[in-house]
Protein backbone atom coordinates (compact mmCIF):
# COMPACT_ATOMS: atom_id res chain seq x y z
CA MET A 1 -57.76 -76.16 -52.60
CA GLY A 2 -54.36 -77.54 -53.61
CA ASP A 3 -54.93 -76.75 -57.28
CA THR A 4 -55.99 -73.20 -56.45
CA MET A 5 -52.91 -72.65 -54.30
CA GLY A 6 -50.72 -74.05 -57.09
CA GLU A 7 -52.26 -71.72 -59.64
CA LEU A 8 -51.85 -68.79 -57.25
CA GLY A 9 -48.18 -69.69 -56.74
CA LEU A 10 -47.58 -69.91 -60.51
CA ALA A 11 -49.31 -66.57 -61.02
CA PHE A 12 -47.04 -65.00 -58.42
CA VAL A 13 -43.99 -66.58 -60.11
CA LYS A 14 -45.00 -65.01 -63.44
CA LEU A 15 -45.69 -61.68 -61.73
CA THR A 16 -42.29 -61.84 -59.99
CA LYS A 17 -40.55 -62.53 -63.29
CA PHE A 18 -42.34 -59.58 -64.87
CA GLU A 19 -41.50 -57.31 -61.90
CA ASN A 20 -37.80 -58.28 -62.09
CA GLU A 21 -37.68 -57.56 -65.81
CA GLN A 22 -39.44 -54.22 -65.50
CA ALA A 23 -37.90 -53.11 -62.20
CA ILE A 24 -36.25 -49.71 -62.20
CA LEU A 25 -36.01 -48.98 -58.50
CA ASN A 26 -34.50 -51.09 -55.73
CA THR A 27 -37.84 -51.17 -53.86
CA GLN A 28 -39.43 -52.85 -56.85
CA ARG A 29 -36.76 -55.56 -56.73
CA LEU A 30 -37.38 -56.05 -52.99
CA ARG A 31 -41.12 -56.36 -53.60
CA ALA A 32 -40.38 -58.90 -56.40
CA ALA A 33 -38.24 -60.94 -53.98
CA ASP A 34 -41.06 -60.91 -51.42
CA MET A 35 -43.52 -62.02 -54.10
CA LYS A 36 -41.14 -64.81 -55.06
CA ASN A 37 -41.18 -66.01 -51.41
CA VAL A 38 -45.01 -65.89 -51.43
CA ALA A 39 -45.07 -67.78 -54.76
CA THR A 40 -42.71 -70.46 -53.41
CA ALA A 41 -44.79 -70.83 -50.25
CA ALA A 42 -48.02 -71.13 -52.28
CA VAL A 43 -46.50 -73.86 -54.49
CA LYS A 44 -45.26 -75.73 -51.37
CA VAL A 45 -48.73 -75.45 -49.80
CA SER A 46 -50.23 -76.83 -53.02
CA ARG A 47 -47.92 -79.84 -52.87
CA LEU A 48 -48.76 -80.38 -49.19
CA TYR A 49 -52.50 -80.28 -49.98
CA ARG A 50 -52.03 -82.88 -52.71
CA GLU A 51 -50.10 -85.13 -50.33
CA LEU A 52 -52.73 -84.59 -47.67
CA ASN A 53 -55.47 -85.58 -50.10
CA ALA A 54 -53.56 -88.74 -51.07
CA GLN A 55 -53.08 -89.69 -47.40
CA THR A 56 -56.74 -88.92 -46.63
CA VAL A 57 -57.90 -91.18 -49.47
CA LYS A 58 -55.60 -93.94 -48.23
CA HIS A 59 -56.92 -93.73 -44.66
CA LEU A 60 -60.53 -93.40 -45.76
CA ASP A 61 -60.11 -96.57 -47.83
CA THR A 62 -58.93 -98.37 -44.71
CA LEU A 63 -61.89 -97.01 -42.75
CA HIS A 64 -64.25 -98.03 -45.53
CA GLU A 65 -62.90 -101.59 -45.45
CA HIS A 66 -63.36 -101.71 -41.66
CA MET A 67 -66.91 -100.42 -41.97
CA GLY A 68 -67.70 -103.14 -44.50
CA LEU A 69 -66.21 -105.72 -42.18
CA MET A 70 -68.20 -104.40 -39.23
CA LEU A 71 -71.39 -104.64 -41.28
CA ALA A 72 -70.61 -108.29 -41.98
CA VAL A 73 -69.87 -108.87 -38.28
CA HIS A 74 -73.15 -107.21 -37.33
CA HIS A 75 -75.06 -109.47 -39.75
CA ALA A 76 -73.24 -112.52 -38.40
CA PHE A 77 -74.16 -111.66 -34.81
CA SER A 78 -77.73 -110.97 -35.90
CA ASP A 79 -77.92 -114.37 -37.64
CA ARG A 80 -76.43 -116.07 -34.58
CA THR A 81 -78.89 -114.35 -32.25
CA SER A 82 -81.80 -115.29 -34.48
CA ALA A 83 -80.68 -118.92 -34.64
CA LEU A 84 -80.22 -119.04 -30.86
CA LEU A 85 -83.69 -117.56 -30.35
CA THR A 86 -85.14 -120.22 -32.64
CA VAL A 87 -83.44 -122.98 -30.64
CA GLN A 88 -84.63 -121.51 -27.34
CA THR A 89 -88.19 -121.14 -28.68
CA LEU A 90 -88.25 -124.76 -29.83
CA ILE A 91 -86.89 -125.98 -26.49
CA SER A 92 -89.58 -124.01 -24.69
CA GLU A 93 -92.24 -125.36 -27.02
CA LEU A 94 -91.00 -128.91 -26.45
CA SER A 95 -91.18 -128.43 -22.72
CA SER A 96 -94.74 -127.19 -23.07
CA LEU A 97 -95.69 -130.12 -25.32
CA HIS A 98 -94.16 -132.63 -22.92
CA SER A 99 -96.07 -131.17 -19.98
CA LYS A 100 -99.33 -131.22 -21.97
CA ALA A 101 -98.71 -134.84 -22.95
CA GLU A 102 -97.90 -135.75 -19.37
CA LYS A 103 -101.10 -134.13 -18.08
CA LEU A 104 -103.15 -135.84 -20.77
CA GLU A 105 -101.58 -139.23 -19.98
CA THR A 106 -102.28 -138.71 -16.28
CA ALA A 107 -105.89 -137.80 -17.01
CA SER A 108 -106.26 -140.77 -19.38
CA SER A 109 -104.85 -143.24 -16.86
CA LYS A 110 -107.51 -142.28 -14.30
CA ILE A 111 -110.28 -143.36 -16.66
CA PHE A 112 -110.44 -147.09 -17.32
CA GLY A 113 -110.41 -147.86 -21.04
CA GLY A 114 -109.55 -144.28 -21.87
CA ASP A 115 -111.41 -141.78 -23.95
CA LYS A 116 -110.97 -142.02 -27.75
CA SER A 117 -110.69 -138.25 -28.11
CA ARG A 118 -108.01 -138.11 -25.41
CA ILE A 119 -106.12 -140.97 -27.02
CA HIS A 120 -106.36 -139.21 -30.38
CA LYS A 121 -105.23 -135.93 -28.80
CA LEU A 122 -102.31 -137.72 -27.12
CA GLU A 123 -101.26 -139.24 -30.46
CA GLU A 124 -101.40 -135.77 -32.03
CA LEU A 125 -99.27 -134.41 -29.19
CA LYS A 126 -96.71 -137.18 -29.62
CA GLU A 127 -96.53 -136.44 -33.35
CA ALA A 128 -96.14 -132.73 -32.57
CA ILE A 129 -93.35 -133.60 -30.12
CA ARG A 130 -91.62 -135.68 -32.79
CA VAL A 131 -91.89 -132.92 -35.38
CA THR A 132 -90.74 -130.29 -32.90
CA GLU A 133 -87.79 -132.51 -31.88
CA ASP A 134 -86.82 -132.72 -35.55
CA ALA A 135 -87.14 -128.95 -35.89
CA LYS A 136 -85.09 -128.45 -32.72
CA SER A 137 -82.27 -130.70 -33.88
CA CYS A 138 -82.28 -128.94 -37.24
CA ALA A 139 -82.23 -125.53 -35.53
CA ILE A 140 -79.35 -126.67 -33.31
CA ARG A 141 -77.41 -127.81 -36.39
CA GLU A 142 -78.08 -124.44 -38.02
CA TYR A 143 -76.98 -122.60 -34.85
CA GLU A 144 -73.78 -124.67 -34.69
CA ARG A 145 -73.14 -123.98 -38.39
CA ILE A 146 -73.46 -120.24 -37.74
CA LYS A 147 -71.54 -120.36 -34.48
CA PHE A 148 -68.62 -122.42 -35.82
CA PRO A 149 -68.41 -121.78 -39.58
CA SER A 150 -65.18 -123.73 -40.06
CA LYS A 151 -64.94 -126.08 -43.03
CA LYS A 152 -64.37 -128.96 -40.63
CA GLY A 153 -67.88 -128.67 -39.16
CA ARG A 154 -69.69 -128.29 -42.48
CA ARG A 155 -71.48 -131.01 -44.30
CA GLU A 156 -70.73 -131.49 -47.95
CA ASP A 157 -72.71 -133.01 -50.79
CA SER A 158 -71.31 -135.59 -53.23
CA GLN A 159 -69.46 -132.91 -55.24
CA GLY A 160 -67.75 -131.45 -52.15
CA ASN A 161 -69.98 -128.36 -52.03
CA PRO A 162 -71.32 -127.22 -48.66
CA ALA A 163 -74.68 -128.87 -48.10
CA ALA A 164 -77.54 -126.65 -47.08
CA VAL A 165 -79.14 -127.35 -43.73
CA ASP A 166 -82.89 -127.69 -44.11
CA CYS A 167 -84.12 -125.61 -41.21
CA SER A 168 -87.23 -124.24 -42.75
CA SER A 169 -89.96 -122.98 -40.49
CA ASN A 170 -92.30 -125.66 -41.87
CA HIS A 171 -91.38 -127.98 -38.99
CA LEU A 172 -92.37 -125.37 -36.45
CA SER A 173 -95.60 -124.39 -38.18
CA LEU A 174 -96.48 -128.06 -38.69
CA SER A 175 -96.06 -128.80 -34.99
CA ARG A 176 -98.21 -125.79 -34.10
CA ASP A 177 -100.87 -126.91 -36.58
CA LEU A 178 -100.99 -130.30 -34.92
CA ILE A 179 -101.58 -128.72 -31.52
CA VAL A 180 -103.84 -125.84 -32.41
CA GLY A 181 -105.38 -127.16 -35.60
CA PRO A 182 -105.35 -125.57 -39.06
């Protein structure tokens, strides 16, 4: 739009120059003066459009940066929520495993000598509890790493690089396999 207005203004300037050169009557000179005012206004509008476009680009760049930042913030909150859900799930699973183990121990204590299958099941539950405890502590470390990403709270390897926290879902699936079976 600015370029078009600039071209229109220049066309009017050329037309005004031609009208002034070819003017015979006073009315023609008045019309040429009016066209010169229109030409000047069109050129000014063109410059204003160019400035407006420059300002718009500047502000849109700022908005674009903020949108990129908000996307990163959204992903961070999503990661934090996911890590918190993992911790809560593991805590709930541990509670369930402890209550199952407690019930099995109570049932085993009523029978003198115990039942081999119950003893075996209790050992499996204790192993599942141990594995789930490991997974829970790993998930808590991962949650804390996400929640407080400062360099102070990060672990580093021997070269000073941030060490990855091994919070794979294998711990969780392993503990479920021990309870449910493969």
